[in-house]
Amino acid sequence: MNINPCEDTLVVNIGDMLHAWSNGQLRSSEHRVVLKRYNNNIVNRFSLAFFWSFEDDKIIFSPNEIVGDGNLRIYRPFVCADYVKFRNLNREKGKFEKVGFTVKDFAGASGHI
């Protein structure tokens, strides 16, 4: 998807664990940047990266307040370190380069939790 830059804009990329914790209400995105040329010059891009993650031993589980009455959790509870191991294991096998596995592959639920 091509997205044109907007002046004075802040973009926040949500990761898989926050996506699972929010029961899918916050969407995790695949992020790739391709710099474009304008009049045969590459356009400048300025970024500041900040990474935050849950502690390894924490369990990701959507709170009742987020899931809502009568709704289903779409992810099984999981330990953060287990998901990181899952991603790293599959990355080594070359399965994460393009489409790859996501939190849905690791902890997606098919029934009521």
PDB file of N, CA and C in Angstrom:
ATOM      1  N   MET A   1       0.848  -1.156   0.000  1.00  0.00           N
ATOM      2  CA  MET A   1       0.000   0.000   0.000  1.00  0.00           C
ATOM      3  C   MET A   1       0.899   1.227   0.000  1.00  0.00           C
ATOM      4  N   ASN A   2       0.685   2.127  -0.889  1.00  0.00           N
ATOM      5  CA  ASN A   2       1.426   3.382  -0.914  1.00  0.00           C
ATOM      6  C   ASN A   2       0.731   4.391  -0.019  1.00  0.00           C
ATOM      7  N   ILE A   3       1.501   4.989   0.855  1.00  0.00           N
ATOM      8  CA  ILE A   3       0.957   6.014   1.744  1.00  0.00           C
ATOM      9  C   ILE A   3       1.783   7.267   1.562  1.00  0.00           C
ATOM     10  N   ASN A   4       1.126   8.338   1.211  1.00  0.00           N
ATOM     11  CA  ASN A   4       1.822   9.601   1.036  1.00  0.00           C
ATOM     12  C   ASN A   4       2.081  10.245   2.388  1.00  0.00           C
ATOM     13  N   PRO A   5       3.278  10.811   2.567  1.00  0.00           N
ATOM     14  CA  PRO A   5       3.581  11.460   3.849  1.00  0.00           C
ATOM     15  C   PRO A   5       2.725  12.700   4.058  1.00  0.00           C
ATOM     16  N   CYS A   6       2.353  12.925   5.298  1.00  0.00           N
ATOM     17  CA  CYS A   6       1.587  14.112   5.671  1.00  0.00           C
ATOM     18  C   CYS A   6       2.434  14.931   6.634  1.00  0.00           C
ATOM     19  N   GLU A   7       2.508  16.204   6.390  1.00  0.00           N
ATOM     20  CA  GLU A   7       3.280  17.080   7.262  1.00  0.00           C
ATOM     21  C   GLU A   7       2.675  17.096   8.662  1.00  0.00           C
ATOM     22  N   ASP A   8       3.515  17.202   9.677  1.00  0.00           N
ATOM     23  CA  ASP A   8       3.087  17.265  11.082  1.00  0.00           C
ATOM     24  C   ASP A   8       2.271  16.041  11.499  1.00  0.00           C
ATOM     25  N   THR A   9       2.687  14.866  11.063  1.00  0.00           N
ATOM     26  CA  THR A   9       1.962  13.636  11.362  1.00  0.00           C
ATOM     27  C   THR A   9       2.841  12.695  12.175  1.00  0.00           C
ATOM     28  N   LEU A  10       2.231  12.027  13.112  1.00  0.00           N
ATOM     29  CA  LEU A  10       2.899  10.995  13.898  1.00  0.00           C
ATOM     30  C   LEU A  10       2.278   9.656  13.525  1.00  0.00           C
ATOM     31  N   VAL A  11       3.110   8.711  13.147  1.00  0.00           N
ATOM     32  CA  VAL A  11       2.646   7.378  12.792  1.00  0.00           C
ATOM     33  C   VAL A  11       3.098   6.418  13.886  1.00  0.00           C
ATOM     34  N   VAL A  12       2.177   5.596  14.365  1.00  0.00           N
ATOM     35  CA  VAL A  12       2.491   4.607  15.389  1.00  0.00           C
ATOM     36  C   VAL A  12       2.206   3.228  14.814  1.00  0.00           C
ATOM     37  N   ASN A  13       3.217   2.379  14.795  1.00  0.00           N
ATOM     38  CA  ASN A  13       3.032   1.000  14.348  1.00  0.00           C
ATOM     39  C   ASN A  13       2.772   0.128  15.563  1.00  0.00           C
ATOM     40  N   ILE A  14       1.672  -0.578  15.534  1.00  0.00           N
ATOM     41  CA  ILE A  14       1.282  -1.469  16.625  1.00  0.00           C
ATOM     42  C   ILE A  14       1.822  -2.860  16.318  1.00  0.00           C
ATOM     43  N   GLY A  15       2.390  -3.516  17.315  1.00  0.00           N
ATOM     44  CA  GLY A  15       2.924  -4.862  17.134  1.00  0.00           C
ATOM     45  C   GLY A  15       1.915  -5.939  17.485  1.00  0.00           C
ATOM     46  N   ASP A  16       2.328  -7.183  17.274  1.00  0.00           N
ATOM     47  CA  ASP A  16       1.448  -8.334  17.464  1.00  0.00           C
ATOM     48  C   ASP A  16       0.937  -8.503  18.890  1.00  0.00           C
ATOM     49  N   MET A  17       1.795  -8.245  19.884  1.00  0.00           N
ATOM     50  CA  MET A  17       1.351  -8.479  21.267  1.00  0.00           C
ATOM     51  C   MET A  17       0.271  -7.491  21.691  1.00  0.00           C
ATOM     52  N   LEU A  18       0.404  -6.236  21.295  1.00  0.00           N
ATOM     53  CA  LEU A  18      -0.640  -5.260  21.614  1.00  0.00           C
ATOM     54  C   LEU A  18      -1.908  -5.547  20.810  1.00  0.00           C
ATOM     55  N   HIS A  19      -1.736  -6.053  19.612  1.00  0.00           N
ATOM     56  CA  HIS A  19      -2.880  -6.477  18.799  1.00  0.00           C
ATOM     57  C   HIS A  19      -3.659  -7.584  19.519  1.00  0.00           C
ATOM     58  N   ALA A  20      -2.936  -8.581  20.046  1.00  0.00           N
ATOM     59  CA  ALA A  20      -3.592  -9.688  20.757  1.00  0.00           C
ATOM     60  C   ALA A  20      -4.215  -9.205  22.058  1.00  0.00           C
ATOM     61  N   TRP A  21      -3.497  -8.366  22.813  1.00  0.00           N
ATOM     62  CA  TRP A  21      -4.015  -7.858  24.087  1.00  0.00           C
ATOM     63  C   TRP A  21      -5.302  -7.062  23.875  1.00  0.00           C
ATOM     64  N   SER A  22      -5.387  -6.322  22.763  1.00  0.00           N
ATOM     65  CA  SER A  22      -6.573  -5.506  22.483  1.00  0.00           C
ATOM     66  C   SER A  22      -7.685  -6.313  21.824  1.00  0.00           C
ATOM     67  N   ASN A  23      -7.504  -7.624  21.723  1.00  0.00           N
ATOM     68  CA  ASN A  23      -8.485  -8.510  21.083  1.00  0.00           C
ATOM     69  C   ASN A  23      -8.743  -8.101  19.630  1.00  0.00           C
ATOM     70  N   GLY A  24      -7.685  -7.636  18.978  1.00  0.00           N
ATOM     71  CA  GLY A  24      -7.778  -7.265  17.575  1.00  0.00           C
ATOM     72  C   GLY A  24      -8.299  -5.871  17.309  1.00  0.00           C
ATOM     73  N   GLN A  25      -8.606  -5.110  18.351  1.00  0.00           N
ATOM     74  CA  GLN A  25      -9.117  -3.755  18.141  1.00  0.00           C
ATOM     75  C   GLN A  25      -8.025  -2.810  17.645  1.00  0.00           C
ATOM     76  N   LEU A  26      -6.779  -3.028  18.079  1.00  0.00           N
ATOM     77  CA  LEU A  26      -5.631  -2.300  17.544  1.00  0.00           C
ATOM     78  C   LEU A  26      -4.948  -3.239  16.563  1.00  0.00           C
ATOM     79  N   ARG A  27      -4.739  -2.792  15.340  1.00  0.00           N
ATOM     80  CA  ARG A  27      -4.232  -3.680  14.299  1.00  0.00           C
ATOM     81  C   ARG A  27      -2.717  -3.635  14.192  1.00  0.00           C
ATOM     82  N   SER A  28      -2.127  -4.803  14.195  1.00  0.00           N
ATOM     83  CA  SER A  28      -0.697  -4.938  13.959  1.00  0.00           C
ATOM     84  C   SER A  28      -0.445  -4.780  12.465  1.00  0.00           C
ATOM     85  N   SER A  29       0.655  -4.123  12.130  1.00  0.00           N
ATOM     86  CA  SER A  29       0.920  -3.900  10.710  1.00  0.00           C
ATOM     87  C   SER A  29       2.319  -4.370  10.340  1.00  0.00           C
ATOM     88  N   GLU A  30       2.450  -4.797   9.094  1.00  0.00           N
ATOM     89  CA  GLU A  30       3.770  -5.086   8.550  1.00  0.00           C
ATOM     90  C   GLU A  30       4.313  -3.763   8.049  1.00  0.00           C
ATOM     91  N   HIS A  31       5.530  -3.437   8.404  1.00  0.00           N
ATOM     92  CA  HIS A  31       6.071  -2.123   8.090  1.00  0.00           C
ATOM     93  C   HIS A  31       7.291  -2.263   7.196  1.00  0.00           C
ATOM     94  N   ARG A  32       7.194  -1.738   6.010  1.00  0.00           N
ATOM     95  CA  ARG A  32       8.317  -1.696   5.078  1.00  0.00           C
ATOM     96  C   ARG A  32       8.347  -0.302   4.465  1.00  0.00           C
ATOM     97  N   VAL A  33       9.529   0.268   4.369  1.00  0.00           N
ATOM     98  CA  VAL A  33       9.661   1.604   3.796  1.00  0.00           C
ATOM     99  C   VAL A  33      10.442   1.511   2.500  1.00  0.00           C
ATOM    100  N   VAL A  34       9.921   2.128   1.461  1.00  0.00           N
ATOM    101  CA  VAL A  34      10.618   2.254   0.194  1.00  0.00           C
ATOM    102  C   VAL A  34      10.683   3.742  -0.108  1.00  0.00           C
ATOM    103  N   LEU A  35      11.896   4.269  -0.152  1.00  0.00           N
ATOM    104  CA  LEU A  35      12.051   5.695  -0.428  1.00  0.00           C
ATOM    105  C   LEU A  35      11.850   5.952  -1.912  1.00  0.00           C
ATOM    106  N   LYS A  36      11.097   6.982  -2.212  1.00  0.00           N
ATOM    107  CA  LYS A  36      10.810   7.328  -3.597  1.00  0.00           C
ATOM    108  C   LYS A  36      11.726   8.454  -4.064  1.00  0.00           C
ATOM    109  N   ARG A  37      11.810   8.580  -5.353  1.00  0.00           N
ATOM    110  CA  ARG A  37      12.618   9.649  -5.948  1.00  0.00           C
ATOM    111  C   ARG A  37      11.703  10.765  -6.437  1.00  0.00           C
ATOM    112  N   TYR A  38      12.197  11.984  -6.312  1.00  0.00           N
ATOM    113  CA  TYR A  38      11.492  13.149  -6.827  1.00  0.00           C
ATOM    114  C   TYR A  38      12.510  13.938  -7.630  1.00  0.00           C
ATOM    115  N   ASN A  39      12.262  14.155  -8.905  1.00  0.00           N
ATOM    116  CA  ASN A  39      13.225  14.813  -9.805  1.00  0.00           C
ATOM    117  C   ASN A  39      14.597  14.138  -9.734  1.00  0.00           C
ATOM    118  N   ASN A  40      14.577  12.823  -9.750  1.00  0.00           N
ATOM    119  CA  ASN A  40      15.777  11.986  -9.741  1.00  0.00           C
ATOM    120  C   ASN A  40      16.585  12.062  -8.441  1.00  0.00           C
ATOM    121  N   ASN A  41      16.018  12.612  -7.382  1.00  0.00           N
ATOM    122  CA  ASN A  41      16.669  12.649  -6.071  1.00  0.00           C
ATOM    123  C   ASN A  41      15.823  11.869  -5.073  1.00  0.00           C
ATOM    124  N   ILE A  42      16.495  11.157  -4.184  1.00  0.00           N
ATOM    125  CA  ILE A  42      15.759  10.445  -3.138  1.00  0.00           C
ATOM    126  C   ILE A  42      15.236  11.458  -2.131  1.00  0.00           C
ATOM    127  N   VAL A  43      13.974  11.318  -1.780  1.00  0.00           N
ATOM    128  CA  VAL A  43      13.340  12.208  -0.812  1.00  0.00           C
ATOM    129  C   VAL A  43      13.809  11.818   0.591  1.00  0.00           C
ATOM    130  N   ASN A  44      14.161  12.804   1.403  1.00  0.00           N
ATOM    131  CA  ASN A  44      14.602  12.539   2.772  1.00  0.00           C
ATOM    132  C   ASN A  44      13.462  12.007   3.621  1.00  0.00           C
ATOM    133  N   ARG A  45      13.819  11.126   4.536  1.00  0.00           N
ATOM    134  CA  ARG A  45      12.852  10.583   5.488  1.00  0.00           C
ATOM    135  C   ARG A  45      13.526  10.569   6.844  1.00  0.00           C
ATOM    136  N   PHE A  46      12.854  11.111   7.827  1.00  0.00           N
ATOM    137  CA  PHE A  46      13.399  11.148   9.176  1.00  0.00           C
ATOM    138  C   PHE A  46      12.526  10.290  10.077  1.00  0.00           C
ATOM    139  N   SER A  47      13.169   9.414  10.845  1.00  0.00           N
ATOM    140  CA  SER A  47      12.431   8.499  11.711  1.00  0.00           C
ATOM    141  C   SER A  47      13.091   8.436  13.075  1.00  0.00           C
ATOM    142  N   LEU A  48      12.279   8.192  14.057  1.00  0.00           N
ATOM    143  CA  LEU A  48      12.758   7.902  15.400  1.00  0.00           C
ATOM    144  C   LEU A  48      12.072   6.616  15.819  1.00  0.00           C
ATOM    145  N   ALA A  49      12.856   5.593  16.055  1.00  0.00           N
ATOM    146  CA  ALA A  49      12.277   4.303  16.422  1.00  0.00           C
ATOM    147  C   ALA A  49      12.318   4.126  17.934  1.00  0.00           C
ATOM    148  N   PHE A  50      11.223   3.678  18.474  1.00  0.00           N
ATOM    149  CA  PHE A  50      11.133   3.355  19.894  1.00  0.00           C
ATOM    150  C   PHE A  50      10.434   2.014  19.988  1.00  0.00           C
ATOM    151  N   PHE A  51      11.095   1.046  20.573  1.00  0.00           N
ATOM    152  CA  PHE A  51      10.518  -0.281  20.700  1.00  0.00           C
ATOM    153  C   PHE A  51      10.210  -0.553  22.162  1.00  0.00           C
ATOM    154  N   TRP A  52       9.036  -1.047  22.390  1.00  0.00           N
ATOM    155  CA  TRP A  52       8.622  -1.431  23.732  1.00  0.00           C
ATOM    156  C   TRP A  52       7.934  -2.773  23.625  1.00  0.00           C
ATOM    157  N   SER A  53       8.171  -3.607  24.609  1.00  0.00           N
ATOM    158  CA  SER A  53       7.530  -4.916  24.617  1.00  0.00           C
ATOM    159  C   SER A  53       7.184  -5.291  26.047  1.00  0.00           C
ATOM    160  N   PHE A  54       6.230  -6.171  26.176  1.00  0.00           N
ATOM    161  CA  PHE A  54       5.890  -6.706  27.486  1.00  0.00           C
ATOM    162  C   PHE A  54       7.084  -7.495  28.021  1.00  0.00           C
ATOM    163  N   GLU A  55       7.183  -7.637  29.325  1.00  0.00           N
ATOM    164  CA  GLU A  55       8.250  -8.441  29.921  1.00  0.00           C
ATOM    165  C   GLU A  55       8.054  -9.907  29.530  1.00  0.00           C
ATOM    166  N   ASP A  56       9.170 -10.629  29.427  1.00  0.00           N
ATOM    167  CA  ASP A  56       9.149 -12.011  28.931  1.00  0.00           C
ATOM    168  C   ASP A  56       8.161 -12.923  29.644  1.00  0.00           C
ATOM    169  N   ASP A  57       8.031 -12.779  30.960  1.00  0.00           N
ATOM    170  CA  ASP A  57       7.196 -13.708  31.729  1.00  0.00           C
ATOM    171  C   ASP A  57       5.732 -13.285  31.824  1.00  0.00           C
ATOM    172  N   LYS A  58       5.384 -12.164  31.209  1.00  0.00           N
ATOM    173  CA  LYS A  58       4.003 -11.670  31.282  1.00  0.00           C
ATOM    174  C   LYS A  58       3.097 -12.455  30.340  1.00  0.00           C
ATOM    175  N   ILE A  59       1.850 -12.589  30.761  1.00  0.00           N
ATOM    176  CA  ILE A  59       0.853 -13.299  29.960  1.00  0.00           C
ATOM    177  C   ILE A  59      -0.010 -12.279  29.235  1.00  0.00           C
ATOM    178  N   ILE A  60      -0.148 -12.464  27.936  1.00  0.00           N
ATOM    179  CA  ILE A  60      -1.018 -11.609  27.130  1.00  0.00           C
ATOM    180  C   ILE A  60      -2.406 -12.232  27.139  1.00  0.00           C
ATOM    181  N   PHE A  61      -3.371 -11.468  27.619  1.00  0.00           N
ATOM    182  CA  PHE A  61      -4.753 -11.936  27.738  1.00  0.00           C
ATOM    183  C   PHE A  61      -5.655 -10.713  27.695  1.00  0.00           C
ATOM    184  N   SER A  62      -6.586 -10.682  26.774  1.00  0.00           N
ATOM    185  CA  SER A  62      -7.471  -9.520  26.637  1.00  0.00           C
ATOM    186  C   SER A  62      -8.356  -9.363  27.861  1.00  0.00           C
ATOM    187  N   PRO A  63      -8.333  -8.188  28.509  1.00  0.00           N
ATOM    188  CA  PRO A  63      -9.196  -7.955  29.675  1.00  0.00           C
ATOM    189  C   PRO A  63     -10.674  -7.948  29.282  1.00  0.00           C
ATOM    190  N   ASN A  64     -11.528  -8.299  30.226  1.00  0.00           N
ATOM    191  CA  ASN A  64     -12.978  -8.300  29.981  1.00  0.00           C
ATOM    192  C   ASN A  64     -13.464  -6.948  29.482  1.00  0.00           C
ATOM    193  N   GLU A  65     -12.892  -5.864  29.997  1.00  0.00           N
ATOM    194  CA  GLU A  65     -13.321  -4.518  29.599  1.00  0.00           C
ATOM    195  C   GLU A  65     -13.075  -4.256  28.121  1.00  0.00           C
ATOM    196  N   ILE A  66     -12.085  -4.912  27.558  1.00  0.00           N
ATOM    197  CA  ILE A  66     -11.788  -4.728  26.139  1.00  0.00           C
ATOM    198  C   ILE A  66     -12.604  -5.679  25.276  1.00  0.00           C
ATOM    199  N   VAL A  67     -12.765  -6.903  25.735  1.00  0.00           N
ATOM    200  CA  VAL A  67     -13.512  -7.899  24.959  1.00  0.00           C
ATOM    201  C   VAL A  67     -14.981  -7.516  24.868  1.00  0.00           C
ATOM    202  N   GLY A  68     -15.571  -7.091  25.980  1.00  0.00           N
ATOM    203  CA  GLY A  68     -16.979  -6.693  25.992  1.00  0.00           C
ATOM    204  C   GLY A  68     -17.907  -7.863  26.263  1.00  0.00           C
ATOM    205  N   ASP A  69     -19.073  -7.549  26.749  1.00  0.00           N
ATOM    206  CA  ASP A  69     -20.075  -8.566  27.065  1.00  0.00           C
ATOM    207  C   ASP A  69     -20.533  -9.289  25.805  1.00  0.00           C
ATOM    208  N   GLY A  70     -20.582 -10.596  25.881  1.00  0.00           N
ATOM    209  CA  GLY A  70     -21.103 -11.394  24.772  1.00  0.00           C
ATOM    210  C   GLY A  70     -20.133 -11.597  23.628  1.00  0.00           C
ATOM    211  N   ASN A  71     -18.952 -11.019  23.699  1.00  0.00           N
ATOM    212  CA  ASN A  71     -17.973 -11.193  22.627  1.00  0.00           C
ATOM    213  C   ASN A  71     -16.966 -12.273  23.003  1.00  0.00           C
ATOM    214  N   LEU A  72     -16.309 -12.811  22.015  1.00  0.00           N
ATOM    215  CA  LEU A  72     -15.316 -13.856  22.238  1.00  0.00           C
ATOM    216  C   LEU A  72     -13.911 -13.277  22.171  1.00  0.00           C
ATOM    217  N   ARG A  73     -13.018 -13.864  22.934  1.00  0.00           N
ATOM    218  CA  ARG A  73     -11.601 -13.536  22.790  1.00  0.00           C
ATOM    219  C   ARG A  73     -11.118 -14.236  21.526  1.00  0.00           C
ATOM    220  N   ILE A  74     -10.393 -13.509  20.702  1.00  0.00           N
ATOM    221  CA  ILE A  74      -9.926 -14.114  19.457  1.00  0.00           C
ATOM    222  C   ILE A  74      -8.517 -14.692  19.580  1.00  0.00           C
ATOM    223  N   TYR A  75      -7.892 -14.511  20.758  1.00  0.00           N
ATOM    224  CA  TYR A  75      -6.569 -15.084  21.009  1.00  0.00           C
ATOM    225  C   TYR A  75      -6.545 -15.800  22.345  1.00  0.00           C
ATOM    226  N   ARG A  76      -5.905 -16.975  22.365  1.00  0.00           N
ATOM    227  CA  ARG A  76      -5.671 -17.687  23.618  1.00  0.00           C
ATOM    228  C   ARG A  76      -4.621 -16.921  24.417  1.00  0.00           C
ATOM    229  N   PRO A  77      -4.656 -17.001  25.743  1.00  0.00           N
ATOM    230  CA  PRO A  77      -3.594 -16.372  26.545  1.00  0.00           C
ATOM    231  C   PRO A  77      -2.240 -17.004  26.196  1.00  0.00           C
ATOM    232  N   PHE A  78      -1.199 -16.184  26.188  1.00  0.00           N
ATOM    233  CA  PHE A  78       0.135 -16.725  25.921  1.00  0.00           C
ATOM    234  C   PHE A  78       1.190 -15.925  26.665  1.00  0.00           C
ATOM    235  N   VAL A  79       2.318 -16.574  26.903  1.00  0.00           N
ATOM    236  CA  VAL A  79       3.459 -15.948  27.572  1.00  0.00           C
ATOM    237  C   VAL A  79       4.299 -15.239  26.506  1.00  0.00           C
ATOM    238  N   CYS A  80       4.673 -14.006  26.786  1.00  0.00           N
ATOM    239  CA  CYS A  80       5.407 -13.192  25.810  1.00  0.00           C
ATOM    240  C   CYS A  80       6.650 -13.888  25.267  1.00  0.00           C
ATOM    241  N   ALA A  81       7.453 -14.459  26.160  1.00  0.00           N
ATOM    242  CA  ALA A  81       8.694 -15.108  25.727  1.00  0.00           C
ATOM    243  C   ALA A  81       8.417 -16.271  24.776  1.00  0.00           C
ATOM    244  N   ASP A  82       7.308 -16.970  24.969  1.00  0.00           N
ATOM    245  CA  ASP A  82       6.964 -18.089  24.081  1.00  0.00           C
ATOM    246  C   ASP A  82       6.665 -17.595  22.670  1.00  0.00           C
ATOM    247  N   TYR A  83       5.997 -16.456  22.565  1.00  0.00           N
ATOM    248  CA  TYR A  83       5.708 -15.903  21.240  1.00  0.00           C
ATOM    249  C   TYR A  83       6.990 -15.425  20.561  1.00  0.00           C
ATOM    250  N   VAL A  84       7.869 -14.786  21.309  1.00  0.00           N
ATOM    251  CA  VAL A  84       9.143 -14.339  20.740  1.00  0.00           C
ATOM    252  C   VAL A  84       9.949 -15.542  20.243  1.00  0.00           C
ATOM    253  N   LYS A  85       9.964 -16.629  21.002  1.00  0.00           N
ATOM    254  CA  LYS A  85      10.662 -17.852  20.575  1.00  0.00           C
ATOM    255  C   LYS A  85      10.045 -18.399  19.292  1.00  0.00           C
ATOM    256  N   PHE A  86       8.717 -18.403  19.218  1.00  0.00           N
ATOM    257  CA  PHE A  86       8.001 -18.860  18.024  1.00  0.00           C
ATOM    258  C   PHE A  86       8.422 -18.041  16.804  1.00  0.00           C
ATOM    259  N   ARG A  87       8.464 -16.720  16.960  1.00  0.00           N
ATOM    260  CA  ARG A  87       8.856 -15.859  15.835  1.00  0.00           C
ATOM    261  C   ARG A  87      10.297 -16.113  15.432  1.00  0.00           C
ATOM    262  N   ASN A  88      11.186 -16.197  16.413  1.00  0.00           N
ATOM    263  CA  ASN A  88      12.600 -16.409  16.098  1.00  0.00           C
ATOM    264  C   ASN A  88      12.843 -17.764  15.449  1.00  0.00           C
ATOM    265  N   LEU A  89      12.172 -18.794  15.920  1.00  0.00           N
ATOM    266  CA  LEU A  89      12.310 -20.125  15.340  1.00  0.00           C
ATOM    267  C   LEU A  89      11.886 -20.122  13.877  1.00  0.00           C
ATOM    268  N   ASN A  90      10.787 -19.488  13.576  1.00  0.00           N
ATOM    269  CA  ASN A  90      10.289 -19.461  12.202  1.00  0.00           C
ATOM    270  C   ASN A  90      11.089 -18.514  11.318  1.00  0.00           C
ATOM    271  N   ARG A  91      11.666 -17.479  11.887  1.00  0.00           N
ATOM    272  CA  ARG A  91      12.513 -16.575  11.109  1.00  0.00           C
ATOM    273  C   ARG A  91      13.745 -17.330  10.614  1.00  0.00           C
ATOM    274  N   GLU A  92      14.322 -18.159  11.470  1.00  0.00           N
ATOM    275  CA  GLU A  92      15.511 -18.923  11.095  1.00  0.00           C
ATOM    276  C   GLU A  92      15.231 -19.854   9.927  1.00  0.00           C
ATOM    277  N   LYS A  93      14.006 -20.313   9.821  1.00  0.00           N
ATOM    278  CA  LYS A  93      13.637 -21.220   8.737  1.00  0.00           C
ATOM    279  C   LYS A  93      13.260 -20.453   7.473  1.00  0.00           C
ATOM    280  N   GLY A  94      13.331 -19.122   7.517  1.00  0.00           N
ATOM    281  CA  GLY A  94      13.011 -18.318   6.352  1.00  0.00           C
ATOM    282  C   GLY A  94      11.535 -18.143   6.119  1.00  0.00           C
ATOM    283  N   LYS A  95      10.709 -18.431   7.114  1.00  0.00           N
ATOM    284  CA  LYS A  95       9.264 -18.360   6.936  1.00  0.00           C
ATOM    285  C   LYS A  95       8.701 -16.988   7.285  1.00  0.00           C
ATOM    286  N   PHE A  96       9.553 -16.081   7.744  1.00  0.00           N
ATOM    287  CA  PHE A  96       9.043 -14.798   8.212  1.00  0.00           C
ATOM    288  C   PHE A  96       9.364 -13.653   7.263  1.00  0.00           C
ATOM    289  N   GLU A  97      10.014 -13.945   6.166  1.00  0.00           N
ATOM    290  CA  GLU A  97      10.525 -12.872   5.336  1.00  0.00           C
ATOM    291  C   GLU A  97       9.438 -12.043   4.650  1.00  0.00           C
ATOM    292  N   LYS A  98       8.446 -12.653   4.080  1.00  0.00           N
ATOM    293  CA  LYS A  98       7.416 -11.903   3.368  1.00  0.00           C
ATOM    294  C   LYS A  98       6.110 -11.900   4.150  1.00  0.00           C
ATOM    295  N   VAL A  99       5.325 -12.923   3.983  1.00  0.00           N
ATOM    296  CA  VAL A  99       4.029 -12.981   4.649  1.00  0.00           C
ATOM    297  C   VAL A  99       4.209 -13.467   6.075  1.00  0.00           C
ATOM    298  N   GLY A 100       4.816 -14.609   6.238  1.00  0.00           N
ATOM    299  CA  GLY A 100       5.186 -15.113   7.544  1.00  0.00           C
ATOM    300  C   GLY A 100       4.053 -15.413   8.499  1.00  0.00           C
ATOM    301  N   PHE A 101       4.440 -15.916   9.649  1.00  0.00           N
ATOM    302  CA  PHE A 101       3.498 -16.231  10.707  1.00  0.00           C
ATOM    303  C   PHE A 101       3.204 -14.991  11.535  1.00  0.00           C
ATOM    304  N   THR A 102       2.045 -14.963  12.142  1.00  0.00           N
ATOM    305  CA  THR A 102       1.646 -13.843  12.990  1.00  0.00           C
ATOM    306  C   THR A 102       1.164 -14.387  14.323  1.00  0.00           C
ATOM    307  N   VAL A 103       0.724 -13.489  15.176  1.00  0.00           N
ATOM    308  CA  VAL A 103       0.187 -13.892  16.473  1.00  0.00           C
ATOM    309  C   VAL A 103      -1.053 -14.769  16.285  1.00  0.00           C
ATOM    310  N   LYS A 104      -1.767 -14.588  15.184  1.00  0.00           N
ATOM    311  CA  LYS A 104      -2.937 -15.434  14.909  1.00  0.00           C
ATOM    312  C   LYS A 104      -2.513 -16.891  14.716  1.00  0.00           C
ATOM    313  N   ASP A 105      -1.392 -17.105  14.040  1.00  0.00           N
ATOM    314  CA  ASP A 105      -0.879 -18.467  13.855  1.00  0.00           C
ATOM    315  C   ASP A 105      -0.454 -19.084  15.180  1.00  0.00           C
ATOM    316  N   PHE A 106       0.056 -18.267  16.079  1.00  0.00           N
ATOM    317  CA  PHE A 106       0.568 -18.754  17.354  1.00  0.00           C
ATOM    318  C   PHE A 106      -0.530 -18.954  18.389  1.00  0.00           C
ATOM    319  N   ALA A 107      -1.450 -18.003  18.498  1.00  0.00           N
ATOM    320  CA  ALA A 107      -2.422 -18.033  19.603  1.00  0.00           C
ATOM    321  C   ALA A 107      -3.856 -17.777  19.172  1.00  0.00           C
ATOM    322  N   GLY A 108      -4.147 -17.862  17.882  1.00  0.00           N
ATOM    323  CA  GLY A 108      -5.513 -17.633  17.424  1.00  0.00           C
ATOM    324  C   GLY A 108      -6.476 -18.655  17.998  1.00  0.00           C
ATOM    325  N   ALA A 109      -7.619 -18.193  18.444  1.00  0.00           N
ATOM    326  CA  ALA A 109      -8.610 -19.068  19.083  1.00  0.00           C
ATOM    327  C   ALA A 109      -9.721 -19.398  18.105  1.00  0.00           C
ATOM    328  N   SER A 110     -10.255 -20.586  18.236  1.00  0.00           N
ATOM    329  CA  SER A 110     -11.390 -20.966  17.397  1.00  0.00           C
ATOM    330  C   SER A 110     -12.663 -21.134  18.210  1.00  0.00           C
ATOM    331  N   GLY A 111     -12.544 -21.112  19.523  1.00  0.00           N
ATOM    332  CA  GLY A 111     -13.717 -21.265  20.383  1.00  0.00           C
ATOM    333  C   GLY A 111     -13.739 -20.226  21.479  1.00  0.00           C
ATOM    334  N   HIS A 112     -14.684 -20.357  22.394  1.00  0.00           N
ATOM    335  CA  HIS A 112     -14.829 -19.402  23.496  1.00  0.00           C
ATOM    336  C   HIS A 112     -13.698 -19.568  24.503  1.00  0.00           C
ATOM    337  N   ILE A 113     -13.108 -18.451  24.896  1.00  0.00           N
ATOM    338  CA  ILE A 113     -12.036 -18.471  25.897  1.00  0.00           C
ATOM    339  C   ILE A 113     -12.476 -17.637  27.079  1.00  0.00           C
TER     340      ILE A 113
END
